[in-house]
């Protein structure tokens, strides 16, 4: 992946629809994980699986605070990176995005399947070397 746009995948945001109104009548805006009281990070590097695990304690969103746990891990012999996010407190919605490059195509899971999971993704020439690469986000319906 081309480095800078791909960073957007790892940014978690909370959609704060009922928390703050803007003068232009926009009722929701993304709030990135930046205003936190404390951050704890643990790096695990093993022969089978490696990962980075981060806890953001006291993430301020409007007048509420949450604790966010983030885990990125990859297994040996795999090209997949697992990203797992958990938020304490209320049932809130998280969002992320994919950076679509000019030579990539958008993919999505077929509709009508009985699965509880779906995906969106990109595939195509997305590297400086013009390699065909893929990236996907899997989500529960």
C-alpha atoms as a PDB file:
ATOM      1  CA  UNK A   1       0.000   0.000   0.000  1.00  0.00           C
ATOM      2  CA  UNK A   2       1.136   3.522  -0.591  1.00  0.00           C
ATOM      3  CA  UNK A   3       2.071   4.615   2.883  1.00  0.00           C
ATOM      4  CA  UNK A   4       0.393   7.906   3.788  1.00  0.00           C
ATOM      5  CA  UNK A   5      -3.199   7.301   2.543  1.00  0.00           C
ATOM      6  CA  UNK A   6      -3.155   3.788   4.014  1.00  0.00           C
ATOM      7  CA  UNK A   7      -2.748   5.264   7.496  1.00  0.00           C
ATOM      8  CA  UNK A   8      -6.417   6.245   7.422  1.00  0.00           C
ATOM      9  CA  UNK A   9      -7.348   2.576   7.868  1.00  0.00           C
ATOM     10  CA  UNK A  10      -5.946   2.540  11.390  1.00  0.00           C
ATOM     11  CA  UNK A  11      -7.770   5.636  12.591  1.00  0.00           C
ATOM     12  CA  UNK A  12     -10.762   4.815  14.733  1.00  0.00           C
ATOM     13  CA  UNK A  13     -13.417   7.430  15.170  1.00  0.00           C
ATOM     14  CA  UNK A  14     -16.662   7.747  17.062  1.00  0.00           C
ATOM     15  CA  UNK A  15     -19.612   9.250  15.213  1.00  0.00           C
ATOM     16  CA  UNK A  16     -20.951  11.789  17.665  1.00  0.00           C
ATOM     17  CA  UNK A  17     -24.392  12.470  16.233  1.00  0.00           C
ATOM     18  CA  UNK A  18     -26.203  13.371  19.445  1.00  0.00           C
ATOM     19  CA  UNK A  19     -23.272  14.906  21.254  1.00  0.00           C
ATOM     20  CA  UNK A  20     -22.554  18.120  19.417  1.00  0.00           C
ATOM     21  CA  UNK A  21     -24.438  20.262  16.913  1.00  0.00           C
ATOM     22  CA  UNK A  22     -22.628  22.466  14.449  1.00  0.00           C
ATOM     23  CA  UNK A  23     -23.824  25.809  13.179  1.00  0.00           C
ATOM     24  CA  UNK A  24     -24.137  24.416   9.637  1.00  0.00           C
ATOM     25  CA  UNK A  25     -26.725  21.865  10.876  1.00  0.00           C
ATOM     26  CA  UNK A  26     -24.298  18.956  10.530  1.00  0.00           C
ATOM     27  CA  UNK A  27     -25.515  16.605  13.284  1.00  0.00           C
ATOM     28  CA  UNK A  28     -22.652  14.136  13.185  1.00  0.00           C
ATOM     29  CA  UNK A  29     -18.918  14.435  12.922  1.00  0.00           C
ATOM     30  CA  UNK A  30     -16.067  11.972  13.402  1.00  0.00           C
ATOM     31  CA  UNK A  31     -14.052  12.340  16.594  1.00  0.00           C
ATOM     32  CA  UNK A  32     -10.607  10.773  16.294  1.00  0.00           C
ATOM     33  CA  UNK A  33      -8.797   9.148  19.183  1.00  0.00           C
ATOM     34  CA  UNK A  34      -6.668  12.077  20.300  1.00  0.00           C
ATOM     35  CA  UNK A  35      -7.980  13.574  23.547  1.00  0.00           C
ATOM     36  CA  UNK A  36      -7.067  10.833  26.039  1.00  0.00           C
ATOM     37  CA  UNK A  37      -5.923  10.825  29.667  1.00  0.00           C
ATOM     38  CA  UNK A  38      -3.471   7.936  29.400  1.00  0.00           C
ATOM     39  CA  UNK A  39      -2.093   5.564  26.731  1.00  0.00           C
ATOM     40  CA  UNK A  40      -0.621   2.123  27.438  1.00  0.00           C
ATOM     41  CA  UNK A  41       1.070   0.241  24.598  1.00  0.00           C
ATOM     42  CA  UNK A  42       2.403  -3.320  24.593  1.00  0.00           C
ATOM     43  CA  UNK A  43       4.358  -4.893  21.723  1.00  0.00           C
ATOM     44  CA  UNK A  44       4.407  -8.680  21.517  1.00  0.00           C
ATOM     45  CA  UNK A  45       6.834 -10.311  19.098  1.00  0.00           C
ATOM     46  CA  UNK A  46       6.684 -14.092  18.966  1.00  0.00           C
ATOM     47  CA  UNK A  47       7.578 -16.871  16.529  1.00  0.00           C
ATOM     48  CA  UNK A  48       3.908 -17.557  15.645  1.00  0.00           C
ATOM     49  CA  UNK A  49       2.162 -14.212  16.169  1.00  0.00           C
ATOM     50  CA  UNK A  50       3.245 -10.602  16.665  1.00  0.00           C
ATOM     51  CA  UNK A  51       1.175  -7.607  17.535  1.00  0.00           C
ATOM     52  CA  UNK A  52       0.743  -4.156  19.003  1.00  0.00           C
ATOM     53  CA  UNK A  53      -1.875  -3.729  21.702  1.00  0.00           C
ATOM     54  CA  UNK A  54      -2.860  -0.247  22.871  1.00  0.00           C
ATOM     55  CA  UNK A  55      -5.269   0.984  25.564  1.00  0.00           C
ATOM     56  CA  UNK A  56      -6.515   4.541  25.366  1.00  0.00           C
ATOM     57  CA  UNK A  57      -7.865   5.389  28.818  1.00  0.00           C
ATOM     58  CA  UNK A  58     -10.236   8.310  29.265  1.00  0.00           C
ATOM     59  CA  UNK A  59     -10.987   9.079  25.594  1.00  0.00           C
ATOM     60  CA  UNK A  60     -13.054  12.278  25.716  1.00  0.00           C
ATOM     61  CA  UNK A  61     -15.970  12.472  23.306  1.00  0.00           C
ATOM     62  CA  UNK A  62     -18.273  15.376  24.074  1.00  0.00           C
ATOM     63  CA  UNK A  63     -19.069  15.184  27.779  1.00  0.00           C
ATOM     64  CA  UNK A  64     -18.422  11.414  28.093  1.00  0.00           C
ATOM     65  CA  UNK A  65     -15.230   9.415  28.405  1.00  0.00           C
ATOM     66  CA  UNK A  66     -14.531   5.908  27.137  1.00  0.00           C
ATOM     67  CA  UNK A  67     -11.703   3.393  27.278  1.00  0.00           C
ATOM     68  CA  UNK A  68     -10.642   2.056  23.866  1.00  0.00           C
ATOM     69  CA  UNK A  69      -8.581  -1.107  23.371  1.00  0.00           C
ATOM     70  CA  UNK A  70      -6.876  -1.562  20.020  1.00  0.00           C
ATOM     71  CA  UNK A  71      -5.083  -4.695  18.845  1.00  0.00           C
ATOM     72  CA  UNK A  72      -3.191  -5.216  15.598  1.00  0.00           C
ATOM     73  CA  UNK A  73      -1.773  -8.704  15.093  1.00  0.00           C
ATOM     74  CA  UNK A  74      -0.326 -10.817  12.318  1.00  0.00           C
ATOM     75  CA  UNK A  75       0.405 -14.550  12.286  1.00  0.00           C
ATOM     76  CA  UNK A  76       3.440 -16.245  10.762  1.00  0.00           C
ATOM     77  CA  UNK A  77       3.051 -17.247   7.117  1.00  0.00           C
ATOM     78  CA  UNK A  78       0.017 -14.955   6.741  1.00  0.00           C
ATOM     79  CA  UNK A  79      -0.565 -11.755   4.806  1.00  0.00           C
ATOM     80  CA  UNK A  80      -3.550 -10.797   6.956  1.00  0.00           C
ATOM     81  CA  UNK A  81      -3.423  -8.258   9.763  1.00  0.00           C
ATOM     82  CA  UNK A  82      -6.215  -8.470  12.292  1.00  0.00           C
ATOM     83  CA  UNK A  83      -7.418  -5.181  13.741  1.00  0.00           C
ATOM     84  CA  UNK A  84      -9.672  -5.448  16.766  1.00  0.00           C
ATOM     85  CA  UNK A  85     -11.237  -2.499  18.566  1.00  0.00           C
ATOM     86  CA  UNK A  86     -13.262  -2.616  21.773  1.00  0.00           C
ATOM     87  CA  UNK A  87     -14.839   0.339  23.568  1.00  0.00           C
ATOM     88  CA  UNK A  88     -16.050   0.319  27.151  1.00  0.00           C
ATOM     89  CA  UNK A  89     -19.293   1.999  28.089  1.00  0.00           C
ATOM     90  CA  UNK A  90     -22.351   2.544  25.960  1.00  0.00           C
ATOM     91  CA  UNK A  91     -23.102   0.857  22.684  1.00  0.00           C
ATOM     92  CA  UNK A  92     -21.347   3.273  20.317  1.00  0.00           C
ATOM     93  CA  UNK A  93     -20.520   3.104  16.635  1.00  0.00           C
ATOM     94  CA  UNK A  94     -16.968   3.158  15.312  1.00  0.00           C
ATOM     95  CA  UNK A  95     -15.970   3.996  11.767  1.00  0.00           C
ATOM     96  CA  UNK A  96     -12.921   3.563   9.563  1.00  0.00           C
ATOM     97  CA  UNK A  97     -12.160   4.018   5.900  1.00  0.00           C
ATOM     98  CA  UNK A  98     -10.161   2.720   2.973  1.00  0.00           C
ATOM     99  CA  UNK A  99      -8.004   4.916   0.725  1.00  0.00           C
ATOM    100  CA  UNK A 100      -8.938   4.108  -2.881  1.00  0.00           C
ATOM    101  CA  UNK A 101      -6.097   4.551  -5.326  1.00  0.00           C
ATOM    102  CA  UNK A 102      -6.600   5.290  -9.006  1.00  0.00           C
ATOM    103  CA  UNK A 103      -5.667   1.796 -10.220  1.00  0.00           C
ATOM    104  CA  UNK A 104      -7.675  -0.163  -7.667  1.00  0.00           C
ATOM    105  CA  UNK A 105     -11.206  -1.464  -7.844  1.00  0.00           C
ATOM    106  CA  UNK A 106     -13.831  -1.443  -5.121  1.00  0.00           C
ATOM    107  CA  UNK A 107     -15.137  -4.830  -3.945  1.00  0.00           C
ATOM    108  CA  UNK A 108     -18.040  -5.740  -1.691  1.00  0.00           C
ATOM    109  CA  UNK A 109     -19.616  -8.955  -0.509  1.00  0.00           C
ATOM    110  CA  UNK A 110     -22.543 -10.253  -2.569  1.00  0.00           C
ATOM    111  CA  UNK A 111     -25.942  -9.305  -1.190  1.00  0.00           C
ATOM    112  CA  UNK A 112     -28.484 -11.887  -0.119  1.00  0.00           C
ATOM    113  CA  UNK A 113     -26.072 -14.280   1.533  1.00  0.00           C
ATOM    114  CA  UNK A 114     -27.051 -15.831   4.874  1.00  0.00           C
ATOM    115  CA  UNK A 115     -23.794 -14.895   6.586  1.00  0.00           C
ATOM    116  CA  UNK A 116     -23.648 -12.582   9.601  1.00  0.00           C
ATOM    117  CA  UNK A 117     -20.524 -10.957   8.127  1.00  0.00           C
ATOM    118  CA  UNK A 118     -19.910  -8.755   5.089  1.00  0.00           C
ATOM    119  CA  UNK A 119     -16.889  -6.986   3.638  1.00  0.00           C
ATOM    120  CA  UNK A 120     -15.786  -4.035   1.575  1.00  0.00           C
ATOM    121  CA  UNK A 121     -12.357  -3.912   0.015  1.00  0.00           C
ATOM    122  CA  UNK A 122      -9.978  -2.666  -2.638  1.00  0.00           C
ATOM    123  CA  UNK A 123      -7.738  -4.613  -5.009  1.00  0.00           C
ATOM    124  CA  UNK A 124      -5.263  -3.474  -7.607  1.00  0.00           C
ATOM    125  CA  UNK A 125      -1.997  -1.636  -8.099  1.00  0.00           C
ATOM    126  CA  UNK A 126      -1.633   0.148  -4.775  1.00  0.00           C
ATOM    127  CA  UNK A 127       2.114   0.196  -4.160  1.00  0.00           C
ATOM    128  CA  UNK A 128       5.044   2.252  -5.361  1.00  0.00           C
ATOM    129  CA  UNK A 129       6.204  -0.881  -7.232  1.00  0.00           C
ATOM    130  CA  UNK A 130       2.769  -1.182  -8.895  1.00  0.00           C
ATOM    131  CA  UNK A 131       2.132  -4.515  -7.142  1.00  0.00           C
ATOM    132  CA  UNK A 132      -1.419  -5.840  -7.020  1.00  0.00           C
ATOM    133  CA  UNK A 133      -2.461  -5.614  -3.371  1.00  0.00           C
ATOM    134  CA  UNK A 134      -5.726  -6.040  -1.525  1.00  0.00           C
ATOM    135  CA  UNK A 135      -7.214  -4.576   1.622  1.00  0.00           C
ATOM    136  CA  UNK A 136     -10.590  -5.318   3.194  1.00  0.00           C
ATOM    137  CA  UNK A 137     -12.730  -4.454   6.166  1.00  0.00           C
ATOM    138  CA  UNK A 138     -14.934  -7.264   7.515  1.00  0.00           C
ATOM    139  CA  UNK A 139     -17.961  -6.232   9.555  1.00  0.00           C
ATOM    140  CA  UNK A 140     -21.043  -7.742  11.158  1.00  0.00           C
ATOM    141  CA  UNK A 141     -24.321  -7.004   9.420  1.00  0.00           C
END
